[in-house]
Amino acid sequence: MLVPETIVCVDCGGTCSRLSYEPDDGFAPGAVVAYRCRDCGDRWDLVIDDDDTV
């Protein structure tokens, strides 16, 4: 499962970069993926499901 390298910050609209390293066998549904906003510094921990793939 592919997850995005960046997402849009819900708080400020900036760009959030993925902090979590992709496991050797890839991300699976239910995985928690962390992102940090480049602009405001907020951290987002997202639970990935089948609808979140790129």
PDB file of N, CA and C in Angstrom:
ATOM      1  N   MET A   1       0.844  -1.167   0.000  1.00  0.00           N
ATOM      2  CA  MET A   1       0.000   0.000   0.000  1.00  0.00           C
ATOM      3  C   MET A   1       0.893   1.235   0.000  1.00  0.00           C
ATOM      4  N   LEU A   2       0.632   2.151  -0.898  1.00  0.00           N
ATOM      5  CA  LEU A   2       1.384   3.397  -0.970  1.00  0.00           C
ATOM      6  C   LEU A   2       0.654   4.487  -0.200  1.00  0.00           C
ATOM      7  N   VAL A   3       1.395   5.237   0.604  1.00  0.00           N
ATOM      8  CA  VAL A   3       0.813   6.393   1.300  1.00  0.00           C
ATOM      9  C   VAL A   3       1.579   7.625   0.854  1.00  0.00           C
ATOM     10  N   PRO A   4       0.942   8.800   0.875  1.00  0.00           N
ATOM     11  CA  PRO A   4       1.593  10.008   0.366  1.00  0.00           C
ATOM     12  C   PRO A   4       2.777  10.451   1.217  1.00  0.00           C
ATOM     13  N   GLU A   5       3.773  11.040   0.569  1.00  0.00           N
ATOM     14  CA  GLU A   5       4.938  11.614   1.254  1.00  0.00           C
ATOM     15  C   GLU A   5       4.554  12.905   1.967  1.00  0.00           C
ATOM     16  N   THR A   6       3.562  13.626   1.405  1.00  0.00           N
ATOM     17  CA  THR A   6       3.103  14.879   2.008  1.00  0.00           C
ATOM     18  C   THR A   6       1.580  14.906   2.038  1.00  0.00           C
ATOM     19  N   ILE A   7       1.055  15.682   3.005  1.00  0.00           N
ATOM     20  CA  ILE A   7      -0.376  15.945   3.100  1.00  0.00           C
ATOM     21  C   ILE A   7      -0.542  17.425   3.401  1.00  0.00           C
ATOM     22  N   VAL A   8      -1.763  17.937   3.316  1.00  0.00           N
ATOM     23  CA  VAL A   8      -2.058  19.333   3.634  1.00  0.00           C
ATOM     24  C   VAL A   8      -2.418  19.424   5.116  1.00  0.00           C
ATOM     25  N   CYS A   9      -1.817  20.378   5.822  1.00  0.00           N
ATOM     26  CA  CYS A   9      -2.093  20.591   7.239  1.00  0.00           C
ATOM     27  C   CYS A   9      -3.516  21.110   7.419  1.00  0.00           C
ATOM     28  N   VAL A  10      -4.258  20.478   8.301  1.00  0.00           N
ATOM     29  CA  VAL A  10      -5.636  20.879   8.563  1.00  0.00           C
ATOM     30  C   VAL A  10      -5.679  22.231   9.273  1.00  0.00           C
ATOM     31  N   ASP A  11      -4.680  22.521  10.103  1.00  0.00           N
ATOM     32  CA  ASP A  11      -4.686  23.764  10.882  1.00  0.00           C
ATOM     33  C   ASP A  11      -4.292  24.992  10.076  1.00  0.00           C
ATOM     34  N   CYS A  12      -3.192  24.907   9.303  1.00  0.00           N
ATOM     35  CA  CYS A  12      -2.688  26.118   8.649  1.00  0.00           C
ATOM     36  C   CYS A  12      -2.679  26.057   7.123  1.00  0.00           C
ATOM     37  N   GLY A  13      -2.929  24.889   6.547  1.00  0.00           N
ATOM     38  CA  GLY A  13      -2.923  24.754   5.096  1.00  0.00           C
ATOM     39  C   GLY A  13      -1.533  24.535   4.515  1.00  0.00           C
ATOM     40  N   GLY A  14      -0.525  24.409   5.387  1.00  0.00           N
ATOM     41  CA  GLY A  14       0.845  24.178   4.938  1.00  0.00           C
ATOM     42  C   GLY A  14       1.041  22.737   4.495  1.00  0.00           C
ATOM     43  N   THR A  15       2.281  22.398   4.201  1.00  0.00           N
ATOM     44  CA  THR A  15       2.624  21.056   3.759  1.00  0.00           C
ATOM     45  C   THR A  15       3.196  20.254   4.918  1.00  0.00           C
ATOM     46  N   CYS A  16       2.637  19.069   5.137  1.00  0.00           N
ATOM     47  CA  CYS A  16       3.132  18.147   6.154  1.00  0.00           C
ATOM     48  C   CYS A  16       3.927  17.047   5.465  1.00  0.00           C
ATOM     49  N   SER A  17       5.123  16.778   5.970  1.00  0.00           N
ATOM     50  CA  SER A  17       5.969  15.714   5.432  1.00  0.00           C
ATOM     51  C   SER A  17       5.863  14.476   6.306  1.00  0.00           C
ATOM     52  N   ARG A  18       5.940  13.331   5.668  1.00  0.00           N
ATOM     53  CA  ARG A  18       5.849  12.070   6.403  1.00  0.00           C
ATOM     54  C   ARG A  18       7.091  11.858   7.256  1.00  0.00           C
ATOM     55  N   LEU A  19       6.891  11.505   8.524  1.00  0.00           N
ATOM     56  CA  LEU A  19       7.980  11.189   9.443  1.00  0.00           C
ATOM     57  C   LEU A  19       8.242   9.692   9.494  1.00  0.00           C
ATOM     58  N   SER A  20       7.210   8.900   9.323  1.00  0.00           N
ATOM     59  CA  SER A  20       7.303   7.447   9.454  1.00  0.00           C
ATOM     60  C   SER A  20       8.038   6.842   8.263  1.00  0.00           C
ATOM     61  N   TYR A  21       8.946   5.929   8.577  1.00  0.00           N
ATOM     62  CA  TYR A  21       9.623   5.180   7.525  1.00  0.00           C
ATOM     63  C   TYR A  21       8.704   4.066   7.041  1.00  0.00           C
ATOM     64  N   GLU A  22       8.749   3.801   5.748  1.00  0.00           N
ATOM     65  CA  GLU A  22       7.934   2.722   5.204  1.00  0.00           C
ATOM     66  C   GLU A  22       8.538   1.381   5.596  1.00  0.00           C
ATOM     67  N   PRO A  23       7.742   0.480   6.169  1.00  0.00           N
ATOM     68  CA  PRO A  23       8.248  -0.850   6.515  1.00  0.00           C
ATOM     69  C   PRO A  23       8.704  -1.598   5.258  1.00  0.00           C
ATOM     70  N   ASP A  24       9.585  -2.585   5.443  1.00  0.00           N
ATOM     71  CA  ASP A  24      10.094  -3.363   4.310  1.00  0.00           C
ATOM     72  C   ASP A  24       8.963  -4.001   3.499  1.00  0.00           C
ATOM     73  N   ASP A  25       7.910  -4.411   4.179  1.00  0.00           N
ATOM     74  CA  ASP A  25       6.789  -5.035   3.483  1.00  0.00           C
ATOM     75  C   ASP A  25       5.676  -4.046   3.149  1.00  0.00           C
ATOM     76  N   GLY A  26       5.959  -2.745   3.280  1.00  0.00           N
ATOM     77  CA  GLY A  26       4.997  -1.701   2.942  1.00  0.00           C
ATOM     78  C   GLY A  26       4.004  -1.449   4.066  1.00  0.00           C
ATOM     79  N   PHE A  27       3.236  -0.381   3.909  1.00  0.00           N
ATOM     80  CA  PHE A  27       2.207  -0.046   4.879  1.00  0.00           C
ATOM     81  C   PHE A  27       0.998  -0.950   4.669  1.00  0.00           C
ATOM     82  N   ALA A  28       0.365  -1.306   5.764  1.00  0.00           N
ATOM     83  CA  ALA A  28      -0.838  -2.136   5.715  1.00  0.00           C
ATOM     84  C   ALA A  28      -1.993  -1.351   6.330  1.00  0.00           C
ATOM     85  N   PRO A  29      -3.227  -1.688   5.958  1.00  0.00           N
ATOM     86  CA  PRO A  29      -4.367  -1.029   6.600  1.00  0.00           C
ATOM     87  C   PRO A  29      -4.250  -1.143   8.123  1.00  0.00           C
ATOM     88  N   GLY A  30      -4.539  -0.044   8.801  1.00  0.00           N
ATOM     89  CA  GLY A  30      -4.427   0.000  10.253  1.00  0.00           C
ATOM     90  C   GLY A  30      -3.115   0.581  10.737  1.00  0.00           C
ATOM     91  N   ALA A  31      -2.163   0.785   9.831  1.00  0.00           N
ATOM     92  CA  ALA A  31      -0.868   1.362  10.209  1.00  0.00           C
ATOM     93  C   ALA A  31      -1.049   2.824  10.601  1.00  0.00           C
ATOM     94  N   VAL A  32      -0.266   3.262  11.581  1.00  0.00           N
ATOM     95  CA  VAL A  32      -0.266   4.661  11.988  1.00  0.00           C
ATOM     96  C   VAL A  32       0.927   5.336  11.317  1.00  0.00           C
ATOM     97  N   VAL A  33       0.661   6.423  10.584  1.00  0.00           N
ATOM     98  CA  VAL A  33       1.698   7.154   9.856  1.00  0.00           C
ATOM     99  C   VAL A  33       1.751   8.578  10.389  1.00  0.00           C
ATOM    100  N   ALA A  34       2.945   9.017  10.789  1.00  0.00           N
ATOM    101  CA  ALA A  34       3.116  10.346  11.384  1.00  0.00           C
ATOM    102  C   ALA A  34       3.589  11.346  10.336  1.00  0.00           C
ATOM    103  N   TYR A  35       3.051  12.566  10.437  1.00  0.00           N
ATOM    104  CA  TYR A  35       3.430  13.678   9.571  1.00  0.00           C
ATOM    105  C   TYR A  35       3.721  14.895  10.441  1.00  0.00           C
ATOM    106  N   ARG A  36       4.606  15.795   9.973  1.00  0.00           N
ATOM    107  CA  ARG A  36       4.895  17.056  10.670  1.00  0.00           C
ATOM    108  C   ARG A  36       4.759  18.195   9.674  1.00  0.00           C
ATOM    109  N   CYS A  37       4.057  19.262  10.078  1.00  0.00           N
ATOM    110  CA  CYS A  37       3.857  20.422   9.219  1.00  0.00           C
ATOM    111  C   CYS A  37       5.127  21.265   9.171  1.00  0.00           C
ATOM    112  N   ARG A  38       5.525  21.629   7.971  1.00  0.00           N
ATOM    113  CA  ARG A  38       6.718  22.468   7.771  1.00  0.00           C
ATOM    114  C   ARG A  38       6.489  23.899   8.241  1.00  0.00           C
ATOM    115  N   ASP A  39       5.226  24.342   8.231  1.00  0.00           N
ATOM    116  CA  ASP A  39       4.922  25.738   8.548  1.00  0.00           C
ATOM    117  C   ASP A  39       4.624  25.963  10.028  1.00  0.00           C
ATOM    118  N   CYS A  40       3.682  25.205  10.595  1.00  0.00           N
ATOM    119  CA  CYS A  40       3.272  25.458  11.980  1.00  0.00           C
ATOM    120  C   CYS A  40       3.860  24.465  12.975  1.00  0.00           C
ATOM    121  N   GLY A  41       4.460  23.375  12.485  1.00  0.00           N
ATOM    122  CA  GLY A  41       5.104  22.405  13.369  1.00  0.00           C
ATOM    123  C   GLY A  41       4.167  21.374  13.974  1.00  0.00           C
ATOM    124  N   ASP A  42       2.876  21.430  13.664  1.00  0.00           N
ATOM    125  CA  ASP A  42       1.943  20.445  14.207  1.00  0.00           C
ATOM    126  C   ASP A  42       2.285  19.054  13.702  1.00  0.00           C
ATOM    127  N   ARG A  43       2.017  18.064  14.550  1.00  0.00           N
ATOM    128  CA  ARG A  43       2.220  16.664  14.174  1.00  0.00           C
ATOM    129  C   ARG A  43       0.859  16.009  14.005  1.00  0.00           C
ATOM    130  N   TRP A  44       0.747  15.208  12.962  1.00  0.00           N
ATOM    131  CA  TRP A  44      -0.478  14.475  12.676  1.00  0.00           C
ATOM    132  C   TRP A  44      -0.159  12.989  12.596  1.00  0.00           C
ATOM    133  N   ASP A  45      -0.864  12.180  13.381  1.00  0.00           N
ATOM    134  CA  ASP A  45      -0.742  10.726  13.341  1.00  0.00           C
ATOM    135  C   ASP A  45      -2.015  10.190  12.706  1.00  0.00           C
ATOM    136  N   LEU A  46      -1.883   9.627  11.518  1.00  0.00           N
ATOM    137  CA  LEU A  46      -3.039   9.159  10.757  1.00  0.00           C
ATOM    138  C   LEU A  46      -3.069   7.644  10.687  1.00  0.00           C
ATOM    139  N   VAL A  47      -4.250   7.070  10.860  1.00  0.00           N
ATOM    140  CA  VAL A  47      -4.440   5.638  10.689  1.00  0.00           C
ATOM    141  C   VAL A  47      -4.824   5.422   9.235  1.00  0.00           C
ATOM    142  N   ILE A  48      -4.057   4.613   8.540  1.00  0.00           N
ATOM    143  CA  ILE A  48      -4.237   4.382   7.109  1.00  0.00           C
ATOM    144  C   ILE A  48      -5.229   3.246   6.889  1.00  0.00           C
ATOM    145  N   ASP A  49      -6.177   3.459   5.977  1.00  0.00           N
ATOM    146  CA  ASP A  49      -7.063   2.371   5.578  1.00  0.00           C
ATOM    147  C   ASP A  49      -7.041   2.244   4.047  1.00  0.00           C
ATOM    148  N   ASP A  50      -7.798   1.315   3.521  1.00  0.00           N
ATOM    149  CA  ASP A  50      -7.762   1.046   2.077  1.00  0.00           C
ATOM    150  C   ASP A  50      -8.131   2.258   1.230  1.00  0.00           C
ATOM    151  N   ASP A  51      -8.944   3.167   1.742  1.00  0.00           N
ATOM    152  CA  ASP A  51      -9.362   4.341   0.984  1.00  0.00           C
ATOM    153  C   ASP A  51      -8.299   5.442   0.947  1.00  0.00           C
ATOM    154  N   ASP A  52      -7.211   5.309   1.718  1.00  0.00           N
ATOM    155  CA  ASP A  52      -6.181   6.350   1.818  1.00  0.00           C
ATOM    156  C   ASP A  52      -5.028   6.164   0.860  1.00  0.00           C
ATOM    157  N   THR A  53      -5.054   5.168   0.025  1.00  0.00           N
ATOM    158  CA  THR A  53      -3.928   4.923  -0.862  1.00  0.00           C
ATOM    159  C   THR A  53      -3.846   5.981  -1.955  1.00  0.00           C
ATOM    160  N   VAL A  54      -2.648   6.156  -2.480  1.00  0.00           N
ATOM    161  CA  VAL A  54      -2.408   7.129  -3.544  1.00  0.00           C
ATOM    162  C   VAL A  54      -2.875   6.550  -4.857  1.00  0.00           C
TER     163      VAL A  54
END
